[in-house]
Every structure is written in structure tokens, then in C-alpha cells.
């Protein structure tokens, strides 16, 4: 469903971050990027049967951006990548940094909770996550992706017992589609 990787020279925290993400995102797979270009990543995703690619970039040793791409034109010789969104992060809190967090692996059910959303950016992310995970959204999820707004837009994952699992993301900016980033 989704291929997760990092920028070309990831920091140890970025590698831990994607490991955390893959443990709670249903049907996600982590790959080492190495020197692969975006086109090579698209071929890899298509070969594995994945439709989305999530790339984590870092700045000064911390995850700073998440870019989500969709692999399109499946029947062409060359797959086409369409950038869906770039999330600029204020910070992330890994599950190992949260004493209340529990570990979860092999998640198969997910839901999206946007009841605390106020802004268009928050609803856009909720709609995008619902689109990406439409095949596995169900009424009895193992994990709920909760979006809330305060000083920052916060994205966190909650298990069926109400305990946090996986990383917590604080998002400061949402850049939709192929719009210029700066």
C-alpha cells in the first residue's frame, strides 16, 4: 500500500522515525533509499504493488519534512509520480521518547478521526489519509489516526485501549500537491 523511505543521507533519528511509522501504518514497507532517484523509487513501488511513496527528509539530524507521492500510469513503460502533499514538521516524538506509548506491529485496521479539525489544512490531511487508507478503513480499527489543532497541527496514533502508539508529529505547514515549496 505505501512504501516508506528517507532522504539520501538520513540521520539516525530519521531512520528510527520511519521504523516507528512502518510499525503502525498498515501494509507499509520500509526500504533503504541509497542512491535511488524518485523514478527508481516509483519502479520499486510498482514492482512491489504499492501505490504511494512516503519520503522523510531531515534537517540538523531531525525529521523536518514528509513528502507523499502517488505512483500513477501503471500500464505505461515508466511510472509517473504525482506529489500529493509535503508536510513541514515542527518536531516528532518517537514512541521510545514517550513513556505512555506502547509498541504495536502487524496492524491491519485503521481509522481517521478529524473531529478536532478546524482549519482547511487539517481537513485536507484527514481526507488524504482516508484516500490513502481507503481499503483498510473499518469500523473496528486497531489504530486510530487522530488529528488535532492547537498551536500546531498534531497527528498521533491511538490504539484500541486509548493509549498512544508510534510517533507524534507536529506539523507547521501543509503544502498541497505540486505547488512550490518556497
C-alpha atoms as a PDB file:
ATOM      1  CA  UNK A   1       0.000   0.000   0.000  1.00  0.00           C
ATOM      2  CA  UNK A   2       2.696   2.558   0.970  1.00  0.00           C
ATOM      3  CA  UNK A   3       6.469   2.479   0.562  1.00  0.00           C
ATOM      4  CA  UNK A   4       8.365   4.404   3.262  1.00  0.00           C
ATOM      5  CA  UNK A   5      11.908   5.687   2.834  1.00  0.00           C
ATOM      6  CA  UNK A   6      14.185   8.574   3.793  1.00  0.00           C
ATOM      7  CA  UNK A   7      16.247  11.177   2.028  1.00  0.00           C
ATOM      8  CA  UNK A   8      19.601  10.030   0.685  1.00  0.00           C
ATOM      9  CA  UNK A   9      21.637  10.601   3.856  1.00  0.00           C
ATOM     10  CA  UNK A  10      19.272  10.037   6.763  1.00  0.00           C
ATOM     11  CA  UNK A  11      20.097  10.785  10.370  1.00  0.00           C
ATOM     12  CA  UNK A  12      19.705   8.039  12.982  1.00  0.00           C
ATOM     13  CA  UNK A  13      16.567   9.766  14.306  1.00  0.00           C
ATOM     14  CA  UNK A  14      15.003   9.783  10.826  1.00  0.00           C
ATOM     15  CA  UNK A  15      15.724   6.060  10.460  1.00  0.00           C
ATOM     16  CA  UNK A  16      14.093   5.419  13.854  1.00  0.00           C
ATOM     17  CA  UNK A  17      11.174   7.619  12.849  1.00  0.00           C
ATOM     18  CA  UNK A  18      10.401   5.646   9.684  1.00  0.00           C
ATOM     19  CA  UNK A  19      10.797   2.392  11.611  1.00  0.00           C
ATOM     20  CA  UNK A  20       8.177   3.726  14.054  1.00  0.00           C
ATOM     21  CA  UNK A  21       5.873   4.738  11.190  1.00  0.00           C
ATOM     22  CA  UNK A  22       6.124   1.386   9.429  1.00  0.00           C
ATOM     23  CA  UNK A  23       5.273  -0.446  12.653  1.00  0.00           C
ATOM     24  CA  UNK A  24       1.877   1.290  12.880  1.00  0.00           C
ATOM     25  CA  UNK A  25       0.912   2.016   9.254  1.00  0.00           C
ATOM     26  CA  UNK A  26      -0.954  -0.985   7.859  1.00  0.00           C
ATOM     27  CA  UNK A  27       0.667  -2.693   4.863  1.00  0.00           C
ATOM     28  CA  UNK A  28       3.628  -0.295   4.835  1.00  0.00           C
ATOM     29  CA  UNK A  29       7.126  -1.368   3.893  1.00  0.00           C
ATOM     30  CA  UNK A  30      10.409   0.366   4.629  1.00  0.00           C
ATOM     31  CA  UNK A  31      13.208   0.360   2.081  1.00  0.00           C
ATOM     32  CA  UNK A  32      16.690   1.800   2.182  1.00  0.00           C
ATOM     33  CA  UNK A  33      16.935   4.617  -0.323  1.00  0.00           C
ATOM     34  CA  UNK A  34      20.652   4.561  -1.037  1.00  0.00           C
ATOM     35  CA  UNK A  35      21.265   6.428  -4.289  1.00  0.00           C
ATOM     36  CA  UNK A  36      17.835   5.702  -5.795  1.00  0.00           C
ATOM     37  CA  UNK A  37      16.167   8.551  -7.654  1.00  0.00           C
ATOM     38  CA  UNK A  38      12.440   9.267  -7.446  1.00  0.00           C
ATOM     39  CA  UNK A  39      11.907   7.390 -10.713  1.00  0.00           C
ATOM     40  CA  UNK A  40      13.732   4.335  -9.346  1.00  0.00           C
ATOM     41  CA  UNK A  41      11.609   4.539  -6.198  1.00  0.00           C
ATOM     42  CA  UNK A  42       8.496   4.616  -8.410  1.00  0.00           C
ATOM     43  CA  UNK A  43       9.672   1.473 -10.248  1.00  0.00           C
ATOM     44  CA  UNK A  44      10.372  -0.204  -6.902  1.00  0.00           C
ATOM     45  CA  UNK A  45       6.912   0.723  -5.586  1.00  0.00           C
ATOM     46  CA  UNK A  46       5.219  -0.520  -8.744  1.00  0.00           C
ATOM     47  CA  UNK A  47       7.204  -3.762  -8.662  1.00  0.00           C
ATOM     48  CA  UNK A  48       6.091  -4.387  -5.064  1.00  0.00           C
ATOM     49  CA  UNK A  49       2.492  -3.390  -5.812  1.00  0.00           C
ATOM     50  CA  UNK A  50       2.487  -0.196  -3.766  1.00  0.00           C
ATOM     51  CA  UNK A  51       0.615   2.896  -4.881  1.00  0.00           C
ATOM     52  CA  UNK A  52       2.098   5.524  -2.543  1.00  0.00           C
ATOM     53  CA  UNK A  53       5.618   6.594  -1.549  1.00  0.00           C
ATOM     54  CA  UNK A  54       6.352   8.466   1.681  1.00  0.00           C
ATOM     55  CA  UNK A  55       9.763  10.173   1.878  1.00  0.00           C
ATOM     56  CA  UNK A  56      11.102  11.607   5.144  1.00  0.00           C
ATOM     57  CA  UNK A  57      13.711  14.369   4.867  1.00  0.00           C
ATOM     58  CA  UNK A  58      15.728  15.707   7.759  1.00  0.00           C
ATOM     59  CA  UNK A  59      17.440  18.887   8.812  1.00  0.00           C
ATOM     60  CA  UNK A  60      20.101  19.070  11.507  1.00  0.00           C
ATOM     61  CA  UNK A  61      19.549  15.439  12.438  1.00  0.00           C
ATOM     62  CA  UNK A  62      15.773  15.647  12.930  1.00  0.00           C
ATOM     63  CA  UNK A  63      12.916  14.730  10.580  1.00  0.00           C
ATOM     64  CA  UNK A  64      11.749  18.014   9.019  1.00  0.00           C
ATOM     65  CA  UNK A  65       9.561  17.088   6.028  1.00  0.00           C
ATOM     66  CA  UNK A  66       7.335  14.298   4.856  1.00  0.00           C
ATOM     67  CA  UNK A  67       6.522  14.166   1.147  1.00  0.00           C
ATOM     68  CA  UNK A  68       3.818  11.808  -0.078  1.00  0.00           C
ATOM     69  CA  UNK A  69       3.726  10.774  -3.742  1.00  0.00           C
ATOM     70  CA  UNK A  70       1.253   8.696  -5.710  1.00  0.00           C
ATOM     71  CA  UNK A  71       2.523   6.307  -8.389  1.00  0.00           C
ATOM     72  CA  UNK A  72       0.259   6.676 -11.433  1.00  0.00           C
ATOM     73  CA  UNK A  73       0.113   5.415 -15.022  1.00  0.00           C
ATOM     74  CA  UNK A  74       0.511   1.792 -14.061  1.00  0.00           C
ATOM     75  CA  UNK A  75       0.324   0.435 -17.602  1.00  0.00           C
ATOM     76  CA  UNK A  76       2.891   2.775 -19.144  1.00  0.00           C
ATOM     77  CA  UNK A  77       6.546   1.863 -19.540  1.00  0.00           C
ATOM     78  CA  UNK A  78       7.542   4.496 -16.996  1.00  0.00           C
ATOM     79  CA  UNK A  79       5.505   5.139 -13.867  1.00  0.00           C
ATOM     80  CA  UNK A  80       4.618   8.745 -13.169  1.00  0.00           C
ATOM     81  CA  UNK A  81       4.909  10.291  -9.708  1.00  0.00           C
ATOM     82  CA  UNK A  82       2.429  12.882  -8.541  1.00  0.00           C
ATOM     83  CA  UNK A  83       3.255  14.758  -5.345  1.00  0.00           C
ATOM     84  CA  UNK A  84       0.164  14.818  -3.137  1.00  0.00           C
ATOM     85  CA  UNK A  85       1.436  16.780  -0.158  1.00  0.00           C
ATOM     86  CA  UNK A  86       4.504  17.964   1.730  1.00  0.00           C
ATOM     87  CA  UNK A  87       4.192  18.225   5.493  1.00  0.00           C
ATOM     88  CA  UNK A  88       6.735  20.509   7.159  1.00  0.00           C
ATOM     89  CA  UNK A  89       7.337  19.295  10.687  1.00  0.00           C
ATOM     90  CA  UNK A  90       7.989  21.323  13.810  1.00  0.00           C
ATOM     91  CA  UNK A  91       9.071  18.151  15.521  1.00  0.00           C
ATOM     92  CA  UNK A  92       8.395  14.492  16.099  1.00  0.00           C
ATOM     93  CA  UNK A  93       8.225  12.470  19.261  1.00  0.00           C
ATOM     94  CA  UNK A  94       9.266   8.870  18.754  1.00  0.00           C
ATOM     95  CA  UNK A  95       7.456   6.110  20.617  1.00  0.00           C
ATOM     96  CA  UNK A  96      10.609   5.379  22.618  1.00  0.00           C
ATOM     97  CA  UNK A  97      10.586   9.016  23.832  1.00  0.00           C
ATOM     98  CA  UNK A  98       7.003   8.755  25.086  1.00  0.00           C
ATOM     99  CA  UNK A  99       6.742   6.794  28.361  1.00  0.00           C
ATOM    100  CA  UNK A 100       2.988   6.224  27.838  1.00  0.00           C
ATOM    101  CA  UNK A 101       3.394   4.756  24.344  1.00  0.00           C
ATOM    102  CA  UNK A 102       3.062   1.071  23.636  1.00  0.00           C
ATOM    103  CA  UNK A 103       4.525  -0.859  20.688  1.00  0.00           C
ATOM    104  CA  UNK A 104       2.291  -2.334  18.009  1.00  0.00           C
ATOM    105  CA  UNK A 105       3.181  -4.437  14.983  1.00  0.00           C
ATOM    106  CA  UNK A 106       1.175  -6.065  12.224  1.00  0.00           C
ATOM    107  CA  UNK A 107      -1.642  -3.519  12.212  1.00  0.00           C
ATOM    108  CA  UNK A 108      -4.380  -4.348   9.703  1.00  0.00           C
ATOM    109  CA  UNK A 109      -7.177  -1.894  10.589  1.00  0.00           C
ATOM    110  CA  UNK A 110      -7.085   1.893  10.771  1.00  0.00           C
ATOM    111  CA  UNK A 111      -9.491   4.792  11.130  1.00  0.00           C
ATOM    112  CA  UNK A 112      -9.082   8.556  10.807  1.00  0.00           C
ATOM    113  CA  UNK A 113     -10.505  10.898  13.460  1.00  0.00           C
ATOM    114  CA  UNK A 114     -10.810  14.518  12.304  1.00  0.00           C
ATOM    115  CA  UNK A 115     -13.368  15.586  14.912  1.00  0.00           C
ATOM    116  CA  UNK A 116     -10.933  18.164  16.364  1.00  0.00           C
ATOM    117  CA  UNK A 117     -10.143  19.764  12.997  1.00  0.00           C
ATOM    118  CA  UNK A 118     -10.874  23.436  12.429  1.00  0.00           C
ATOM    119  CA  UNK A 119      -8.686  24.522   9.507  1.00  0.00           C
ATOM    120  CA  UNK A 120      -8.744  23.525   5.851  1.00  0.00           C
ATOM    121  CA  UNK A 121      -5.214  22.091   6.207  1.00  0.00           C
ATOM    122  CA  UNK A 122      -6.368  19.679   8.891  1.00  0.00           C
ATOM    123  CA  UNK A 123      -9.363  18.526   6.835  1.00  0.00           C
ATOM    124  CA  UNK A 124      -7.128  18.183   3.758  1.00  0.00           C
ATOM    125  CA  UNK A 125      -4.772  15.850   5.647  1.00  0.00           C
ATOM    126  CA  UNK A 126      -7.729  13.856   7.013  1.00  0.00           C
ATOM    127  CA  UNK A 127      -9.169  13.462   3.500  1.00  0.00           C
ATOM    128  CA  UNK A 128      -5.761  12.494   2.099  1.00  0.00           C
ATOM    129  CA  UNK A 129      -5.192   9.862   4.809  1.00  0.00           C
ATOM    130  CA  UNK A 130      -8.700   8.497   4.192  1.00  0.00           C
ATOM    131  CA  UNK A 131      -7.909   8.267   0.461  1.00  0.00           C
ATOM    132  CA  UNK A 132      -4.580   6.513   1.043  1.00  0.00           C
ATOM    133  CA  UNK A 133      -6.007   4.043   3.548  1.00  0.00           C
ATOM    134  CA  UNK A 134      -9.486   3.633   1.988  1.00  0.00           C
ATOM    135  CA  UNK A 135      -9.054  -0.120   1.527  1.00  0.00           C
ATOM    136  CA  UNK A 136      -8.385  -0.735   5.202  1.00  0.00           C
ATOM    137  CA  UNK A 137     -10.621   1.837   6.890  1.00  0.00           C
ATOM    138  CA  UNK A 138     -13.076  -0.002   9.060  1.00  0.00           C
ATOM    139  CA  UNK A 139     -15.403   0.469  11.993  1.00  0.00           C
ATOM    140  CA  UNK A 140     -13.316  -1.703  14.337  1.00  0.00           C
ATOM    141  CA  UNK A 141      -9.805  -0.377  13.832  1.00  0.00           C
ATOM    142  CA  UNK A 142      -6.725  -1.437  15.731  1.00  0.00           C
ATOM    143  CA  UNK A 143      -5.264   2.065  15.354  1.00  0.00           C
ATOM    144  CA  UNK A 144      -6.929   5.471  15.080  1.00  0.00           C
ATOM    145  CA  UNK A 145      -5.075   8.317  13.426  1.00  0.00           C
ATOM    146  CA  UNK A 146      -6.115  11.403  15.419  1.00  0.00           C
ATOM    147  CA  UNK A 147      -5.727  14.919  14.028  1.00  0.00           C
ATOM    148  CA  UNK A 148      -5.989  17.825  16.436  1.00  0.00           C
ATOM    149  CA  UNK A 149      -5.258  21.514  16.306  1.00  0.00           C
ATOM    150  CA  UNK A 150      -3.802  23.816  18.867  1.00  0.00           C
ATOM    151  CA  UNK A 151      -0.632  25.762  18.466  1.00  0.00           C
ATOM    152  CA  UNK A 152       0.366  23.209  15.822  1.00  0.00           C
ATOM    153  CA  UNK A 153      -1.478  20.647  13.787  1.00  0.00           C
ATOM    154  CA  UNK A 154      -0.802  17.383  15.623  1.00  0.00           C
ATOM    155  CA  UNK A 155      -1.057  13.913  14.163  1.00  0.00           C
ATOM    156  CA  UNK A 156      -0.914  10.980  16.563  1.00  0.00           C
ATOM    157  CA  UNK A 157      -1.870   7.334  16.614  1.00  0.00           C
ATOM    158  CA  UNK A 158      -4.043   5.770  19.345  1.00  0.00           C
ATOM    159  CA  UNK A 159      -4.655   2.041  19.911  1.00  0.00           C
ATOM    160  CA  UNK A 160      -7.996   0.448  20.831  1.00  0.00           C
ATOM    161  CA  UNK A 161      -7.267   0.989  24.539  1.00  0.00           C
ATOM    162  CA  UNK A 162      -6.784   4.735  24.086  1.00  0.00           C
ATOM    163  CA  UNK A 163      -3.014   4.604  24.566  1.00  0.00           C
ATOM    164  CA  UNK A 164      -0.621   6.336  22.184  1.00  0.00           C
ATOM    165  CA  UNK A 165       1.354   4.162  19.787  1.00  0.00           C
ATOM    166  CA  UNK A 166       4.022   5.185  17.345  1.00  0.00           C
ATOM    167  CA  UNK A 167       5.320   8.682  16.787  1.00  0.00           C
ATOM    168  CA  UNK A 168       3.567  12.001  17.355  1.00  0.00           C
ATOM    169  CA  UNK A 169       4.001  14.569  14.571  1.00  0.00           C
ATOM    170  CA  UNK A 170       3.688  18.338  14.971  1.00  0.00           C
ATOM    171  CA  UNK A 171       3.030  19.918  11.586  1.00  0.00           C
ATOM    172  CA  UNK A 172       3.664  23.622  10.978  1.00  0.00           C
ATOM    173  CA  UNK A 173       2.896  23.823   7.267  1.00  0.00           C
ATOM    174  CA  UNK A 174       0.965  21.798   4.697  1.00  0.00           C
ATOM    175  CA  UNK A 175       1.916  22.253   1.046  1.00  0.00           C
ATOM    176  CA  UNK A 176      -0.679  20.673  -1.228  1.00  0.00           C
ATOM    177  CA  UNK A 177       0.214  18.955  -4.477  1.00  0.00           C
ATOM    178  CA  UNK A 178       2.958  20.226  -6.757  1.00  0.00           C
ATOM    179  CA  UNK A 179       2.938  23.808  -5.514  1.00  0.00           C
ATOM    180  CA  UNK A 180       6.317  25.422  -4.974  1.00  0.00           C
ATOM    181  CA  UNK A 181       7.683  24.860  -1.516  1.00  0.00           C
ATOM    182  CA  UNK A 182       9.406  28.228  -1.090  1.00  0.00           C
END
